[in-house]
């Protein structure tokens, strides 16, 4: 779901995949299919297939000359960050990628980091944190981002954040921010940045 969302935001077009395959079907596959605009099927590997036309759509902010200028330095900095990243940072990055796909369990995160679930728990414990705390932080960050930069419904936000329903998302957001998602978005620009 994340790649579909990024494609839509970056191109400002309603990009609809030709096919969506996942190794584990999400709890509410019909809701994900409605959000994606395509049926979601189970397969041995995860795959989102776009039409050639959609794949060729330029990003609204695309500028090849700027990319050529910045890419070497960005790659250098990314390598430095990857070398010095804590386990918490790595888990946060994995969660931000996995949450929209509905695969943000500890098992999925450990698999994406190529370590066992027990090793993941041990390393997080050594950093004085837990998987659940990092999951809540990632959900909060993504919720702020989605509410600030998209026109998704509360149900769509709930699905992208891995909640079973919009009521669970409401309760969590109210606990994090002290107000409802709708109220946060109705306030002054940047209100979701608290």
N, C-alpha and C. Protein backbone atom coordinates (compact mmCIF):
# COMPACT_ATOMS: atom_id res chain seq x y z
N UNK A 1 0.82 -1.18 0.00
CA UNK A 1 0.00 0.00 0.00
C UNK A 1 0.87 1.26 0.00
N UNK A 2 2.02 1.16 0.64
CA UNK A 2 2.90 2.31 0.71
C UNK A 2 3.35 2.74 -0.68
N UNK A 3 3.75 1.80 -1.52
CA UNK A 3 4.23 2.17 -2.86
C UNK A 3 3.11 2.78 -3.70
N UNK A 4 1.89 2.31 -3.52
CA UNK A 4 0.75 2.88 -4.24
C UNK A 4 0.51 4.31 -3.76
N UNK A 5 0.56 4.50 -2.46
CA UNK A 5 0.34 5.83 -1.88
C UNK A 5 1.42 6.80 -2.35
N UNK A 6 2.68 6.36 -2.35
CA UNK A 6 3.77 7.22 -2.81
C UNK A 6 3.59 7.57 -4.28
N UNK A 7 3.24 6.58 -5.10
CA UNK A 7 3.05 6.83 -6.54
C UNK A 7 1.94 7.86 -6.76
N UNK A 8 0.89 7.77 -5.99
CA UNK A 8 -0.23 8.73 -6.14
C UNK A 8 0.18 10.13 -5.68
N UNK A 9 0.87 10.20 -4.55
CA UNK A 9 1.27 11.51 -4.05
C UNK A 9 2.30 12.16 -4.96
N UNK A 10 3.26 11.38 -5.43
CA UNK A 10 4.35 11.94 -6.21
C UNK A 10 3.94 12.35 -7.61
N UNK A 11 2.94 11.67 -8.17
CA UNK A 11 2.51 11.99 -9.54
C UNK A 11 1.24 12.83 -9.57
N UNK A 12 0.60 12.96 -8.42
CA UNK A 12 -0.68 13.66 -8.31
C UNK A 12 -1.73 13.05 -9.26
N UNK A 13 -1.67 11.73 -9.41
CA UNK A 13 -2.62 11.00 -10.25
C UNK A 13 -3.14 9.80 -9.47
N UNK A 14 -4.31 9.36 -9.77
CA UNK A 14 -4.88 8.17 -9.12
C UNK A 14 -4.29 6.93 -9.81
N UNK A 15 -3.11 6.56 -9.39
CA UNK A 15 -2.42 5.39 -9.93
C UNK A 15 -3.07 4.14 -9.35
N UNK A 16 -3.49 3.24 -10.22
CA UNK A 16 -4.14 2.01 -9.79
C UNK A 16 -3.29 0.84 -10.30
N UNK A 17 -2.82 0.00 -9.40
CA UNK A 17 -1.98 -1.12 -9.83
C UNK A 17 -2.76 -2.15 -10.64
N UNK A 18 -2.05 -2.84 -11.51
CA UNK A 18 -2.66 -3.93 -12.27
C UNK A 18 -2.85 -5.15 -11.38
N UNK A 19 -1.88 -5.35 -10.45
CA UNK A 19 -1.92 -6.53 -9.60
C UNK A 19 -1.23 -6.23 -8.28
N UNK A 20 -1.80 -6.79 -7.20
CA UNK A 20 -1.17 -6.68 -5.87
C UNK A 20 -1.14 -8.08 -5.28
N UNK A 21 0.06 -8.55 -4.95
CA UNK A 21 0.24 -9.87 -4.36
C UNK A 21 0.98 -9.72 -3.05
N UNK A 22 0.58 -10.47 -2.04
CA UNK A 22 1.24 -10.44 -0.74
C UNK A 22 1.43 -11.86 -0.24
N UNK A 23 2.47 -12.06 0.58
CA UNK A 23 2.70 -13.40 1.10
C UNK A 23 1.73 -13.75 2.23
N UNK A 24 1.21 -12.73 2.91
CA UNK A 24 0.21 -12.93 3.95
C UNK A 24 -0.91 -11.93 3.71
N UNK A 25 -2.13 -12.43 3.52
CA UNK A 25 -3.26 -11.52 3.28
C UNK A 25 -3.53 -10.70 4.54
N UNK A 26 -3.78 -9.40 4.39
CA UNK A 26 -4.10 -8.57 5.57
C UNK A 26 -5.44 -8.99 6.17
N UNK A 27 -5.63 -8.62 7.41
CA UNK A 27 -6.84 -8.98 8.15
C UNK A 27 -8.10 -8.57 7.40
N UNK A 28 -8.12 -7.37 6.85
CA UNK A 28 -9.29 -6.87 6.13
C UNK A 28 -8.91 -6.64 4.67
N UNK A 29 -8.72 -7.73 3.94
CA UNK A 29 -8.24 -7.66 2.55
C UNK A 29 -9.16 -6.84 1.66
N UNK A 30 -10.46 -6.90 1.89
CA UNK A 30 -11.40 -6.14 1.05
C UNK A 30 -11.18 -4.64 1.19
N UNK A 31 -10.94 -4.17 2.40
CA UNK A 31 -10.71 -2.74 2.61
C UNK A 31 -9.40 -2.31 1.94
N UNK A 32 -8.37 -3.14 2.03
CA UNK A 32 -7.11 -2.83 1.36
C UNK A 32 -7.30 -2.82 -0.15
N UNK A 33 -8.08 -3.77 -0.67
CA UNK A 33 -8.34 -3.83 -2.11
C UNK A 33 -9.07 -2.57 -2.57
N UNK A 34 -10.01 -2.11 -1.76
CA UNK A 34 -10.74 -0.88 -2.11
C UNK A 34 -9.80 0.32 -2.13
N UNK A 35 -8.92 0.40 -1.17
CA UNK A 35 -7.95 1.49 -1.11
C UNK A 35 -6.98 1.43 -2.30
N UNK A 36 -6.53 0.22 -2.64
CA UNK A 36 -5.58 0.05 -3.74
C UNK A 36 -6.25 0.22 -5.10
N UNK A 37 -7.53 -0.14 -5.18
CA UNK A 37 -8.21 -0.10 -6.47
C UNK A 37 -8.00 -1.37 -7.27
N UNK A 38 -7.46 -2.40 -6.62
CA UNK A 38 -7.19 -3.67 -7.28
C UNK A 38 -7.33 -4.80 -6.25
N UNK A 39 -7.66 -5.97 -6.74
CA UNK A 39 -7.78 -7.13 -5.86
C UNK A 39 -6.41 -7.46 -5.27
N UNK A 40 -6.42 -7.96 -4.04
CA UNK A 40 -5.19 -8.38 -3.39
C UNK A 40 -5.21 -9.89 -3.30
N UNK A 41 -4.18 -10.51 -3.86
CA UNK A 41 -4.12 -11.97 -3.87
C UNK A 41 -2.92 -12.45 -3.07
N UNK A 42 -3.00 -13.70 -2.66
CA UNK A 42 -1.91 -14.30 -1.89
C UNK A 42 -0.95 -14.99 -2.86
N UNK A 43 0.35 -14.77 -2.63
CA UNK A 43 1.38 -15.40 -3.45
C UNK A 43 2.63 -15.55 -2.59
N UNK A 44 3.59 -16.27 -3.07
CA UNK A 44 4.82 -16.52 -2.30
C UNK A 44 5.64 -15.26 -2.08
N UNK A 45 5.48 -14.28 -2.94
CA UNK A 45 6.26 -13.05 -2.78
C UNK A 45 5.36 -11.83 -2.85
N UNK A 46 5.84 -10.74 -2.28
CA UNK A 46 5.10 -9.48 -2.30
C UNK A 46 5.41 -8.75 -3.59
N UNK A 47 4.35 -8.25 -4.26
CA UNK A 47 4.57 -7.60 -5.54
C UNK A 47 3.41 -6.66 -5.85
N UNK A 48 3.75 -5.48 -6.31
CA UNK A 48 2.76 -4.53 -6.83
C UNK A 48 3.17 -4.24 -8.26
N UNK A 49 2.25 -4.48 -9.20
CA UNK A 49 2.56 -4.30 -10.62
C UNK A 49 1.74 -3.13 -11.14
N UNK A 50 2.45 -2.16 -11.76
CA UNK A 50 1.80 -0.99 -12.34
C UNK A 50 1.83 -1.10 -13.86
N UNK A 51 0.93 -0.40 -14.51
CA UNK A 51 0.95 -0.36 -15.97
C UNK A 51 2.18 0.43 -16.42
N UNK A 52 2.58 0.20 -17.66
CA UNK A 52 3.73 0.92 -18.20
C UNK A 52 3.45 2.42 -18.20
N UNK A 53 2.21 2.78 -18.48
CA UNK A 53 1.83 4.20 -18.50
C UNK A 53 2.01 4.83 -17.12
N UNK A 54 1.51 4.14 -16.07
CA UNK A 54 1.65 4.68 -14.71
C UNK A 54 3.12 4.69 -14.28
N UNK A 55 3.86 3.65 -14.64
CA UNK A 55 5.27 3.58 -14.25
C UNK A 55 6.09 4.70 -14.90
N UNK A 56 5.63 5.18 -16.05
CA UNK A 56 6.36 6.23 -16.76
C UNK A 56 5.94 7.63 -16.34
N UNK A 57 4.94 7.73 -15.49
CA UNK A 57 4.50 9.07 -15.05
C UNK A 57 5.64 9.76 -14.30
N UNK A 58 5.92 11.00 -14.63
CA UNK A 58 6.99 11.71 -13.90
C UNK A 58 6.49 12.17 -12.54
N UNK A 59 7.40 12.20 -11.59
CA UNK A 59 7.08 12.78 -10.30
C UNK A 59 6.89 14.28 -10.54
N UNK A 60 5.97 14.87 -9.83
CA UNK A 60 5.68 16.29 -10.01
C UNK A 60 6.92 17.13 -9.78
N UNK A 61 7.75 16.71 -8.86
CA UNK A 61 8.94 17.50 -8.52
C UNK A 61 10.21 16.97 -9.18
N UNK A 62 10.07 16.14 -10.19
CA UNK A 62 11.25 15.53 -10.83
C UNK A 62 12.13 16.59 -11.49
N UNK A 63 13.44 16.48 -11.25
CA UNK A 63 14.41 17.37 -11.87
C UNK A 63 15.73 16.60 -11.94
N UNK A 64 16.03 16.03 -13.10
CA UNK A 64 17.19 15.16 -13.27
C UNK A 64 18.50 15.88 -12.95
N UNK A 65 18.62 17.14 -13.32
CA UNK A 65 19.87 17.86 -13.06
C UNK A 65 20.11 18.02 -11.56
N UNK A 66 19.06 18.33 -10.83
CA UNK A 66 19.20 18.46 -9.38
C UNK A 66 19.57 17.12 -8.76
N UNK A 67 18.93 16.04 -9.23
CA UNK A 67 19.23 14.71 -8.71
C UNK A 67 20.70 14.37 -8.97
N UNK A 68 21.18 14.62 -10.17
CA UNK A 68 22.58 14.33 -10.50
C UNK A 68 23.53 15.10 -9.59
N UNK A 69 23.14 16.30 -9.21
CA UNK A 69 23.97 17.12 -8.34
C UNK A 69 23.98 16.58 -6.91
N UNK A 70 22.80 16.20 -6.38
CA UNK A 70 22.68 15.80 -4.98
C UNK A 70 22.93 14.32 -4.71
N UNK A 71 22.75 13.47 -5.69
CA UNK A 71 22.81 12.03 -5.46
C UNK A 71 24.10 11.55 -4.80
N UNK A 72 25.29 11.93 -5.28
CA UNK A 72 26.51 11.42 -4.63
C UNK A 72 26.58 11.73 -3.14
N UNK A 73 26.25 12.95 -2.77
CA UNK A 73 26.30 13.33 -1.35
C UNK A 73 25.23 12.59 -0.55
N UNK A 74 24.04 12.43 -1.12
CA UNK A 74 22.98 11.71 -0.42
C UNK A 74 23.37 10.26 -0.18
N UNK A 75 23.96 9.64 -1.18
CA UNK A 75 24.40 8.24 -1.03
C UNK A 75 25.48 8.13 0.06
N UNK A 76 26.39 9.08 0.10
CA UNK A 76 27.44 9.09 1.12
C UNK A 76 26.84 9.22 2.52
N UNK A 77 25.90 10.13 2.67
CA UNK A 77 25.27 10.33 3.98
C UNK A 77 24.43 9.13 4.38
N UNK A 78 23.74 8.53 3.42
CA UNK A 78 22.93 7.35 3.71
C UNK A 78 23.82 6.22 4.21
N UNK A 79 24.97 6.04 3.60
CA UNK A 79 25.91 5.00 4.03
C UNK A 79 26.37 5.27 5.47
N UNK A 80 26.62 6.53 5.80
CA UNK A 80 27.05 6.89 7.15
C UNK A 80 25.94 6.60 8.16
N UNK A 81 24.72 6.96 7.80
CA UNK A 81 23.57 6.72 8.69
C UNK A 81 23.38 5.23 8.91
N UNK A 82 23.46 4.45 7.83
CA UNK A 82 23.25 3.00 7.95
C UNK A 82 24.31 2.37 8.84
N UNK A 83 25.53 2.87 8.79
CA UNK A 83 26.61 2.32 9.61
C UNK A 83 26.42 2.65 11.08
N UNK A 84 25.84 3.82 11.37
CA UNK A 84 25.74 4.24 12.77
C UNK A 84 24.32 4.11 13.34
N UNK A 85 23.41 3.55 12.58
CA UNK A 85 22.02 3.46 13.03
C UNK A 85 21.89 2.50 14.21
N UNK A 86 21.12 2.91 15.18
CA UNK A 86 20.83 2.03 16.31
C UNK A 86 19.77 1.02 15.88
N UNK A 87 19.55 0.01 16.70
CA UNK A 87 18.50 -0.97 16.39
C UNK A 87 17.14 -0.26 16.39
N UNK A 88 16.94 0.68 17.30
CA UNK A 88 15.68 1.43 17.33
C UNK A 88 15.47 2.18 16.02
N UNK A 89 16.51 2.80 15.51
CA UNK A 89 16.41 3.52 14.23
C UNK A 89 16.07 2.56 13.10
N UNK A 90 16.72 1.40 13.11
CA UNK A 90 16.47 0.41 12.06
C UNK A 90 15.04 -0.11 12.13
N UNK A 91 14.55 -0.34 13.34
CA UNK A 91 13.17 -0.81 13.51
C UNK A 91 12.19 0.27 13.06
N UNK A 92 12.45 1.52 13.42
CA UNK A 92 11.59 2.63 12.98
C UNK A 92 11.52 2.69 11.46
N UNK A 93 12.67 2.59 10.80
CA UNK A 93 12.70 2.64 9.34
C UNK A 93 11.91 1.48 8.74
N UNK A 94 12.09 0.29 9.31
CA UNK A 94 11.36 -0.88 8.81
C UNK A 94 9.86 -0.71 9.03
N UNK A 95 9.48 -0.19 10.19
CA UNK A 95 8.06 0.00 10.48
C UNK A 95 7.42 1.02 9.53
N UNK A 96 8.13 2.09 9.24
CA UNK A 96 7.58 3.10 8.32
C UNK A 96 7.34 2.50 6.94
N UNK A 97 8.15 1.52 6.58
CA UNK A 97 7.98 0.85 5.29
C UNK A 97 6.90 -0.22 5.35
N UNK A 98 6.83 -0.95 6.45
CA UNK A 98 5.93 -2.10 6.55
C UNK A 98 4.51 -1.76 7.00
N UNK A 99 4.33 -0.71 7.79
CA UNK A 99 3.00 -0.39 8.30
C UNK A 99 1.94 -0.27 7.21
N UNK A 100 2.18 0.50 6.15
CA UNK A 100 1.13 0.65 5.14
C UNK A 100 0.76 -0.66 4.44
N UNK A 101 1.64 -1.65 4.49
CA UNK A 101 1.34 -2.93 3.86
C UNK A 101 0.61 -3.88 4.80
N UNK A 102 0.43 -3.46 6.05
CA UNK A 102 -0.26 -4.31 7.01
C UNK A 102 0.63 -5.41 7.57
N UNK A 103 1.95 -5.27 7.43
CA UNK A 103 2.87 -6.32 7.88
C UNK A 103 3.85 -5.77 8.91
N UNK A 104 3.35 -5.12 9.94
CA UNK A 104 4.22 -4.47 10.91
C UNK A 104 4.36 -5.27 12.20
N UNK A 105 4.27 -6.58 12.11
CA UNK A 105 4.48 -7.40 13.30
C UNK A 105 5.96 -7.49 13.61
N UNK A 106 6.28 -7.92 14.81
CA UNK A 106 7.69 -8.07 15.18
C UNK A 106 8.36 -9.09 14.25
N UNK A 107 7.65 -10.13 13.88
CA UNK A 107 8.21 -11.16 13.00
C UNK A 107 8.58 -10.57 11.64
N UNK A 108 7.68 -9.76 11.08
CA UNK A 108 7.96 -9.15 9.78
C UNK A 108 9.13 -8.17 9.85
N UNK A 109 9.18 -7.40 10.92
CA UNK A 109 10.27 -6.43 11.08
C UNK A 109 11.60 -7.18 11.24
N UNK A 110 11.61 -8.21 12.07
CA UNK A 110 12.84 -8.99 12.26
C UNK A 110 13.29 -9.60 10.93
N UNK A 111 12.35 -10.12 10.18
CA UNK A 111 12.69 -10.71 8.87
C UNK A 111 13.27 -9.66 7.93
N UNK A 112 12.69 -8.45 7.93
CA UNK A 112 13.21 -7.40 7.05
C UNK A 112 14.60 -6.94 7.46
N UNK A 113 14.94 -7.10 8.74
CA UNK A 113 16.26 -6.73 9.24
C UNK A 113 17.23 -7.91 9.23
N UNK A 114 16.74 -9.07 8.78
CA UNK A 114 17.55 -10.29 8.67
C UNK A 114 18.10 -10.74 10.03
N UNK A 115 17.25 -10.66 11.06
CA UNK A 115 17.62 -11.17 12.38
C UNK A 115 16.42 -11.93 12.94
N UNK A 116 16.63 -12.66 14.02
CA UNK A 116 15.53 -13.39 14.64
C UNK A 116 14.71 -12.46 15.52
N UNK A 117 13.49 -12.85 15.81
CA UNK A 117 12.64 -12.06 16.70
C UNK A 117 13.25 -11.92 18.08
N UNK A 118 13.87 -12.99 18.57
CA UNK A 118 14.49 -12.96 19.90
C UNK A 118 15.67 -11.99 19.92
N UNK A 119 16.49 -12.00 18.86
CA UNK A 119 17.62 -11.06 18.78
C UNK A 119 17.11 -9.62 18.74
N UNK A 120 16.04 -9.40 17.97
CA UNK A 120 15.44 -8.06 17.91
C UNK A 120 15.01 -7.61 19.29
N UNK A 121 14.30 -8.46 20.02
CA UNK A 121 13.86 -8.11 21.37
C UNK A 121 15.04 -7.80 22.28
N UNK A 122 16.07 -8.63 22.21
CA UNK A 122 17.25 -8.45 23.07
C UNK A 122 17.94 -7.12 22.78
N UNK A 123 18.11 -6.80 21.50
CA UNK A 123 18.79 -5.54 21.14
C UNK A 123 17.96 -4.32 21.53
N UNK A 124 16.65 -4.40 21.37
CA UNK A 124 15.80 -3.28 21.78
C UNK A 124 15.83 -3.11 23.29
N UNK A 125 15.83 -4.23 24.00
CA UNK A 125 15.90 -4.17 25.46
C UNK A 125 17.22 -3.52 25.89
N UNK A 126 18.30 -3.81 25.19
CA UNK A 126 19.60 -3.20 25.51
C UNK A 126 19.58 -1.69 25.27
N UNK A 127 18.70 -1.23 24.37
CA UNK A 127 18.55 0.20 24.11
C UNK A 127 17.43 0.81 24.96
N UNK A 128 16.93 0.03 25.92
CA UNK A 128 15.91 0.48 26.86
C UNK A 128 14.61 0.90 26.17
N UNK A 129 14.19 0.10 25.20
CA UNK A 129 12.91 0.35 24.53
C UNK A 129 12.28 -0.99 24.18
N UNK A 130 11.11 -0.93 23.57
CA UNK A 130 10.40 -2.15 23.19
C UNK A 130 9.82 -2.00 21.79
N UNK A 131 9.49 -3.12 21.20
CA UNK A 131 8.88 -3.11 19.88
C UNK A 131 7.57 -2.33 19.91
N UNK A 132 6.76 -2.55 20.93
CA UNK A 132 5.46 -1.87 21.01
C UNK A 132 5.61 -0.35 21.11
N UNK A 133 6.61 0.10 21.85
CA UNK A 133 6.85 1.55 21.96
C UNK A 133 7.24 2.12 20.60
N UNK A 134 8.11 1.42 19.88
CA UNK A 134 8.54 1.90 18.56
C UNK A 134 7.40 1.84 17.55
N UNK A 135 6.55 0.82 17.67
CA UNK A 135 5.38 0.72 16.79
C UNK A 135 4.45 1.90 17.02
N UNK A 136 4.21 2.25 18.27
CA UNK A 136 3.35 3.40 18.58
C UNK A 136 3.96 4.69 18.03
N UNK A 137 5.28 4.86 18.16
CA UNK A 137 5.95 6.06 17.63
C UNK A 137 5.82 6.13 16.10
N UNK A 138 6.02 5.01 15.44
CA UNK A 138 5.93 4.99 13.97
C UNK A 138 4.51 5.29 13.53
N UNK A 139 3.53 4.71 14.20
CA UNK A 139 2.13 4.99 13.86
C UNK A 139 1.82 6.47 14.04
N UNK A 140 2.31 7.03 15.13
CA UNK A 140 2.05 8.45 15.40
C UNK A 140 2.67 9.32 14.31
N UNK A 141 3.92 9.04 13.94
CA UNK A 141 4.58 9.82 12.89
C UNK A 141 3.82 9.72 11.57
N UNK A 142 3.44 8.49 11.20
CA UNK A 142 2.72 8.32 9.94
C UNK A 142 1.33 8.96 10.00
N UNK A 143 0.67 8.87 11.14
CA UNK A 143 -0.66 9.49 11.27
C UNK A 143 -0.57 10.99 11.05
N UNK A 144 0.42 11.63 11.66
CA UNK A 144 0.61 13.07 11.45
C UNK A 144 0.87 13.38 9.99
N UNK A 145 1.71 12.56 9.37
CA UNK A 145 2.03 12.77 7.95
C UNK A 145 0.79 12.60 7.08
N UNK A 146 0.05 11.52 7.27
CA UNK A 146 -1.13 11.27 6.44
C UNK A 146 -2.18 12.36 6.62
N UNK A 147 -2.39 12.78 7.85
CA UNK A 147 -3.40 13.80 8.10
C UNK A 147 -2.98 15.15 7.53
N UNK A 148 -1.69 15.41 7.52
CA UNK A 148 -1.17 16.68 7.03
C UNK A 148 -1.13 16.74 5.51
N UNK A 149 -0.82 15.62 4.86
CA UNK A 149 -0.51 15.70 3.44
C UNK A 149 -1.39 14.84 2.54
N UNK A 150 -2.51 14.38 3.01
CA UNK A 150 -3.37 13.59 2.13
C UNK A 150 -4.83 13.84 2.49
N UNK A 151 -5.68 13.35 1.66
CA UNK A 151 -7.11 13.49 1.89
C UNK A 151 -7.74 12.13 2.16
N UNK A 152 -7.00 11.25 2.82
CA UNK A 152 -7.50 9.93 3.14
C UNK A 152 -8.56 10.02 4.23
N UNK A 153 -9.51 9.10 4.19
CA UNK A 153 -10.53 9.04 5.24
C UNK A 153 -9.92 8.43 6.50
N UNK A 154 -10.63 8.53 7.60
CA UNK A 154 -10.15 7.93 8.85
C UNK A 154 -10.01 6.42 8.70
N UNK A 155 -10.92 5.80 7.97
CA UNK A 155 -10.83 4.34 7.75
C UNK A 155 -9.59 4.00 6.95
N UNK A 156 -9.28 4.79 5.93
CA UNK A 156 -8.08 4.55 5.13
C UNK A 156 -6.83 4.76 5.96
N UNK A 157 -6.81 5.83 6.77
CA UNK A 157 -5.67 6.06 7.67
C UNK A 157 -5.50 4.89 8.63
N UNK A 158 -6.60 4.41 9.19
CA UNK A 158 -6.55 3.29 10.13
C UNK A 158 -5.92 2.07 9.47
N UNK A 159 -6.33 1.77 8.25
CA UNK A 159 -5.77 0.62 7.53
C UNK A 159 -4.29 0.79 7.28
N UNK A 160 -3.88 1.96 6.81
CA UNK A 160 -2.47 2.20 6.50
C UNK A 160 -1.60 2.17 7.76
N UNK A 161 -2.19 2.43 8.90
CA UNK A 161 -1.44 2.44 10.15
C UNK A 161 -1.50 1.10 10.88
N UNK A 162 -2.20 0.13 10.28
CA UNK A 162 -2.25 -1.20 10.87
C UNK A 162 -3.27 -1.37 11.98
N UNK A 163 -4.24 -0.48 12.08
CA UNK A 163 -5.31 -0.63 13.06
C UNK A 163 -6.42 -1.48 12.46
N UNK A 164 -7.12 -2.22 13.29
CA UNK A 164 -8.18 -3.08 12.79
C UNK A 164 -9.40 -2.30 12.34
N UNK A 165 -9.62 -1.12 12.93
CA UNK A 165 -10.76 -0.31 12.52
C UNK A 165 -10.49 1.16 12.85
N UNK A 166 -11.36 2.04 12.35
CA UNK A 166 -11.14 3.47 12.55
C UNK A 166 -11.32 3.88 14.02
N UNK A 167 -12.14 3.15 14.79
CA UNK A 167 -12.30 3.48 16.21
C UNK A 167 -10.99 3.31 16.98
N UNK A 168 -10.26 2.26 16.65
CA UNK A 168 -8.96 2.03 17.30
C UNK A 168 -7.99 3.17 16.96
N UNK A 169 -8.02 3.60 15.70
CA UNK A 169 -7.18 4.73 15.27
C UNK A 169 -7.58 6.00 16.03
N UNK A 170 -8.89 6.26 16.15
CA UNK A 170 -9.37 7.43 16.88
C UNK A 170 -8.84 7.44 18.31
N UNK A 171 -9.00 6.29 19.00
CA UNK A 171 -8.56 6.21 20.40
C UNK A 171 -7.06 6.45 20.51
N UNK A 172 -6.30 5.82 19.64
CA UNK A 172 -4.84 5.98 19.70
C UNK A 172 -4.44 7.43 19.43
N UNK A 173 -5.05 8.04 18.41
CA UNK A 173 -4.68 9.42 18.07
C UNK A 173 -5.05 10.37 19.21
N UNK A 174 -6.19 10.14 19.80
CA UNK A 174 -6.61 10.99 20.92
C UNK A 174 -5.64 10.84 22.10
N UNK A 175 -5.17 9.61 22.32
CA UNK A 175 -4.21 9.37 23.40
C UNK A 175 -2.88 10.07 23.10
N UNK A 176 -2.42 10.01 21.84
CA UNK A 176 -1.15 10.63 21.46
C UNK A 176 -1.22 12.15 21.52
N UNK A 177 -2.28 12.71 20.93
CA UNK A 177 -2.33 14.14 20.68
C UNK A 177 -3.31 14.91 21.56
N UNK A 178 -4.21 14.20 22.24
CA UNK A 178 -5.18 14.86 23.08
C UNK A 178 -6.35 15.45 22.31
N UNK A 179 -6.48 15.09 21.04
CA UNK A 179 -7.60 15.56 20.23
C UNK A 179 -7.87 14.55 19.12
N UNK A 180 -8.99 14.71 18.44
CA UNK A 180 -9.35 13.77 17.39
C UNK A 180 -8.61 14.10 16.10
N UNK A 181 -8.47 13.12 15.21
CA UNK A 181 -7.80 13.39 13.93
C UNK A 181 -8.47 14.51 13.13
N UNK A 182 -9.79 14.54 13.12
CA UNK A 182 -10.49 15.58 12.36
C UNK A 182 -10.21 16.96 12.92
N UNK A 183 -10.19 17.08 14.25
CA UNK A 183 -9.93 18.37 14.87
C UNK A 183 -8.51 18.84 14.55
N UNK A 184 -7.57 17.91 14.57
CA UNK A 184 -6.17 18.26 14.29
C UNK A 184 -6.04 18.84 12.89
N UNK A 185 -6.78 18.29 11.94
CA UNK A 185 -6.67 18.75 10.55
C UNK A 185 -7.46 20.02 10.29
N UNK A 186 -8.38 20.34 11.15
CA UNK A 186 -9.18 21.55 10.97
C UNK A 186 -8.48 22.77 11.56
N UNK A 187 -7.47 22.56 12.35
CA UNK A 187 -6.76 23.66 12.98
C UNK A 187 -5.84 24.33 11.98
N UNK A 188 -5.10 25.27 12.43
CA UNK A 188 -4.21 26.06 11.55
C UNK A 188 -3.23 25.15 10.82
N UNK A 189 -2.71 25.62 9.66
CA UNK A 189 -1.72 24.83 8.92
C UNK A 189 -0.56 24.43 9.81
N UNK A 190 -0.16 23.18 9.66
CA UNK A 190 0.94 22.66 10.46
C UNK A 190 0.51 22.15 11.82
N UNK A 191 -0.80 22.15 12.10
CA UNK A 191 -1.28 21.73 13.41
C UNK A 191 -0.94 20.28 13.70
N UNK A 192 -0.85 19.46 12.68
CA UNK A 192 -0.54 18.05 12.89
C UNK A 192 0.93 17.84 13.19
N UNK A 193 1.71 18.87 13.21
CA UNK A 193 3.15 18.74 13.44
C UNK A 193 3.53 18.77 14.92
N UNK A 194 2.58 18.85 15.82
CA UNK A 194 2.88 18.95 17.24
C UNK A 194 3.92 17.97 17.67
